[in-house]
Amino acid sequence: MLTRLTSFAIKAAPRAAAAAIAVFAVLSVVAATSAPAAANPFQTLAGYWSGGGTLIAVNGQPERVSCKVTYFVTGPNVKQNIRCASTDYKFWATSALTYGNGRVRGTWKENTYEANGTVSGTASDRAIRVNIAGNKFSGNMNIAVSSRQHTISINQLNKKTGRYSNVANVTLRR
């Protein structure tokens, strides 16, 4: 059974969970680039990463997820390809981001459940904070970067109450 997994605390249908995971993927790209206004913060992301973490299912129970991510870096731009799976679902997402003057902007797309949207925020030394907006998921993401890993925390916005709830925590390593 697909749960509220979208890597972004998606307490909704499988599509929303996939959207959250897609956002997670996009944000992990941003997170790994947390350098203080560097000329090319995405450079540290280039290549293959893998790892896993926990997503919160619609029923409120945590579910383990494993992910594989590849980053293709060209100057201040990065394209990301991420595939994640748990016992109950799989998803595949792509993103395209650009960094400039301490700001990150771009788009993301989850190909399995047809979710998509935009990402905007800031990148500073070892921390990235972005807002995620899309047709099936909205929220924010915080990324902590250290040496050879990055940890991502995703929060989903409940548009009715205006409150955020944590939906995913994932760590990726080289």
Protein backbone atom coordinates (compact mmCIF):
# COMPACT_ATOMS: atom_id res chain seq x y z
CA MET A 1 0.00 0.00 0.00
CA LEU A 2 1.44 3.37 -0.99
CA THR A 3 1.72 5.69 1.92
CA ARG A 4 2.17 9.37 2.53
CA LEU A 5 5.71 9.01 1.45
CA THR A 6 6.68 11.67 -0.99
CA SER A 7 9.77 12.29 1.07
CA PHE A 8 7.89 15.27 2.33
CA ALA A 9 5.51 14.11 4.96
CA ILE A 10 2.80 13.42 2.52
CA LYS A 11 -0.20 12.24 4.42
CA ALA A 12 -2.11 11.64 1.25
CA ALA A 13 -2.46 9.30 -1.67
CA PRO A 14 0.46 7.49 -3.28
CA ARG A 15 0.78 10.33 -5.75
CA ALA A 16 1.40 12.81 -2.97
CA ALA A 17 3.97 10.53 -1.40
CA ALA A 18 5.78 10.18 -4.69
CA ALA A 19 5.68 13.94 -5.08
CA ALA A 20 7.26 14.35 -1.66
CA ILE A 21 10.01 11.92 -2.57
CA ALA A 22 10.59 13.84 -5.77
CA VAL A 23 10.91 17.02 -3.79
CA PHE A 24 13.29 15.22 -1.47
CA ALA A 25 15.40 14.32 -4.44
CA VAL A 26 15.48 17.86 -5.66
CA LEU A 27 16.28 19.16 -2.25
CA SER A 28 19.03 16.67 -1.73
CA VAL A 29 20.71 18.24 -4.71
CA VAL A 30 20.38 21.62 -3.11
CA ALA A 31 21.49 20.32 0.26
CA ALA A 32 24.70 18.80 -0.94
CA THR A 33 25.62 22.15 -2.38
CA SER A 34 25.45 24.06 0.85
CA ALA A 35 28.45 26.26 0.37
CA PRO A 36 28.52 29.96 1.23
CA ALA A 37 27.87 31.69 -2.10
CA ALA A 38 30.51 29.59 -3.80
CA ALA A 39 31.11 29.98 -7.52
CA ASN A 40 29.92 26.40 -8.07
CA PRO A 41 28.32 24.85 -4.97
CA PHE A 42 26.89 21.94 -6.99
CA GLN A 43 30.37 20.59 -7.68
CA THR A 44 30.36 18.64 -4.40
CA LEU A 45 27.24 16.80 -5.57
CA ALA A 46 28.61 15.49 -8.85
CA GLY A 47 28.37 11.72 -9.13
CA TYR A 48 26.55 8.88 -7.41
CA TRP A 49 25.03 8.89 -3.89
CA SER A 50 22.98 6.29 -2.02
CA GLY A 51 21.32 5.93 1.34
CA GLY A 52 18.00 5.80 3.05
CA GLY A 53 15.83 6.91 5.87
CA THR A 54 12.28 7.05 7.09
CA LEU A 55 9.06 8.30 5.54
CA ILE A 56 5.83 8.71 7.46
CA ALA A 57 2.99 6.69 5.97
CA VAL A 58 -0.60 7.88 5.72
CA ASN A 59 -1.42 5.72 8.74
CA GLY A 60 1.23 7.60 10.75
CA GLN A 61 3.65 4.68 10.84
CA PRO A 62 7.27 5.16 9.73
CA GLU A 63 8.42 3.23 6.66
CA ARG A 64 12.04 2.60 5.63
CA VAL A 65 13.09 3.79 2.17
CA SER A 66 16.32 3.33 0.20
CA CYS A 67 17.47 5.71 -2.55
CA LYS A 68 20.03 6.01 -5.35
CA VAL A 69 20.84 9.44 -6.77
CA THR A 70 23.06 10.68 -9.60
CA TYR A 71 23.95 14.35 -10.06
CA PHE A 72 25.10 15.78 -13.40
CA VAL A 73 26.81 19.14 -12.81
CA THR A 74 27.55 21.76 -15.45
CA GLY A 75 28.73 25.11 -14.07
CA PRO A 76 26.09 26.57 -11.73
CA ASN A 77 23.50 24.02 -12.94
CA VAL A 78 22.72 20.52 -11.80
CA LYS A 79 20.41 17.82 -13.13
CA GLN A 80 19.42 15.08 -10.75
CA ASN A 81 18.03 11.59 -11.27
CA ILE A 82 16.70 9.81 -8.18
CA ARG A 83 15.11 6.42 -7.68
CA CYS A 84 13.74 5.32 -4.33
CA ALA A 85 11.90 2.26 -3.08
CA SER A 86 10.32 0.85 0.02
CA THR A 87 8.43 -2.36 0.64
CA ASP A 88 5.23 -0.81 -0.74
CA TYR A 89 6.21 1.57 -3.53
CA LYS A 90 8.79 2.86 -6.01
CA PHE A 91 9.34 6.28 -7.54
CA TRP A 92 11.56 8.02 -10.05
CA ALA A 93 12.15 11.76 -10.06
CA THR A 94 14.26 14.30 -11.90
CA SER A 95 15.16 17.90 -11.16
CA ALA A 96 17.00 20.81 -12.73
CA LEU A 97 18.41 23.50 -10.44
CA THR A 98 20.50 26.65 -10.77
CA TYR A 99 22.56 28.37 -8.07
CA GLY A 100 23.48 32.06 -8.04
CA ASN A 101 24.29 34.66 -5.38
CA GLY A 102 23.31 32.42 -2.49
CA ARG A 103 19.93 31.47 -4.00
CA VAL A 104 18.68 28.20 -5.47
CA ARG A 105 15.86 27.96 -8.02
CA GLY A 106 14.57 25.23 -10.24
CA THR A 107 11.98 22.64 -11.11
CA TRP A 108 11.24 19.03 -10.14
CA LYS A 109 9.18 16.22 -11.63
CA GLU A 110 8.11 12.84 -10.26
CA ASN A 111 7.64 10.65 -13.30
CA THR A 112 5.62 7.77 -11.87
CA TYR A 113 2.78 9.82 -10.36
CA GLU A 114 3.02 12.88 -12.61
CA ALA A 115 3.75 15.38 -9.86
CA ASN A 116 5.80 18.49 -10.56
CA GLY A 117 6.62 21.93 -9.28
CA THR A 118 9.19 24.54 -8.36
CA VAL A 119 11.90 24.93 -5.73
CA SER A 120 13.26 28.22 -4.35
CA GLY A 121 15.37 29.10 -1.37
CA THR A 122 18.80 29.86 -0.03
CA ALA A 123 22.09 28.02 0.34
CA SER A 124 24.68 28.93 2.94
CA ASP A 125 27.58 27.23 4.64
CA ARG A 126 26.44 23.67 5.45
CA ALA A 127 22.72 24.51 5.40
CA ILE A 128 20.03 24.79 2.77
CA ARG A 129 16.46 25.95 3.30
CA VAL A 130 14.00 25.79 0.45
CA ASN A 131 10.29 26.05 -0.21
CA ILE A 132 8.63 23.50 -2.46
CA ALA A 133 5.49 24.21 -4.44
CA GLY A 134 3.74 21.82 -6.78
CA ASN A 135 0.56 20.38 -8.18
CA LYS A 136 0.48 17.55 -5.60
CA PHE A 137 2.84 18.67 -2.81
CA SER A 138 3.82 21.86 -0.98
CA GLY A 139 6.15 22.25 1.96
CA ASN A 140 9.72 23.03 2.91
CA MET A 141 12.99 21.23 3.22
CA ASN A 142 16.02 21.67 5.42
CA ILE A 143 19.34 20.12 4.48
CA ALA A 144 22.40 19.69 6.66
CA VAL A 145 25.65 18.99 4.83
CA SER A 146 28.84 17.51 6.25
CA SER A 147 31.92 16.03 4.57
CA ARG A 148 30.67 13.05 2.56
CA GLN A 149 26.96 13.00 3.37
CA HIS A 150 23.86 15.14 3.51
CA THR A 151 20.77 14.77 5.68
CA ILE A 152 17.40 15.97 4.47
CA SER A 153 14.29 16.72 6.50
CA ILE A 154 11.05 17.37 4.61
CA ASN A 155 7.92 18.98 5.98
CA GLN A 156 4.55 18.98 4.24
CA LEU A 157 2.21 21.95 4.37
CA ASN A 158 -1.40 21.30 5.33
CA LYS A 159 -3.10 23.99 3.25
CA LYS A 160 -6.25 23.88 5.38
CA THR A 161 -4.54 24.52 8.72
CA GLY A 162 -1.38 26.28 7.54
CA ARG A 163 0.71 23.89 9.65
CA TYR A 164 3.71 21.81 8.64
CA SER A 165 4.35 18.21 9.63
CA ASN A 166 7.53 16.20 9.17
CA VAL A 167 7.16 13.52 6.53
CA ALA A 168 10.67 12.38 5.72
CA ASN A 169 14.23 12.18 7.02
CA VAL A 170 16.87 10.74 4.68
CA THR A 171 20.67 10.53 4.70
CA LEU A 172 22.69 10.09 1.49
CA ARG A 173 26.36 9.09 1.34
CA ARG A 174 29.00 8.62 -1.36
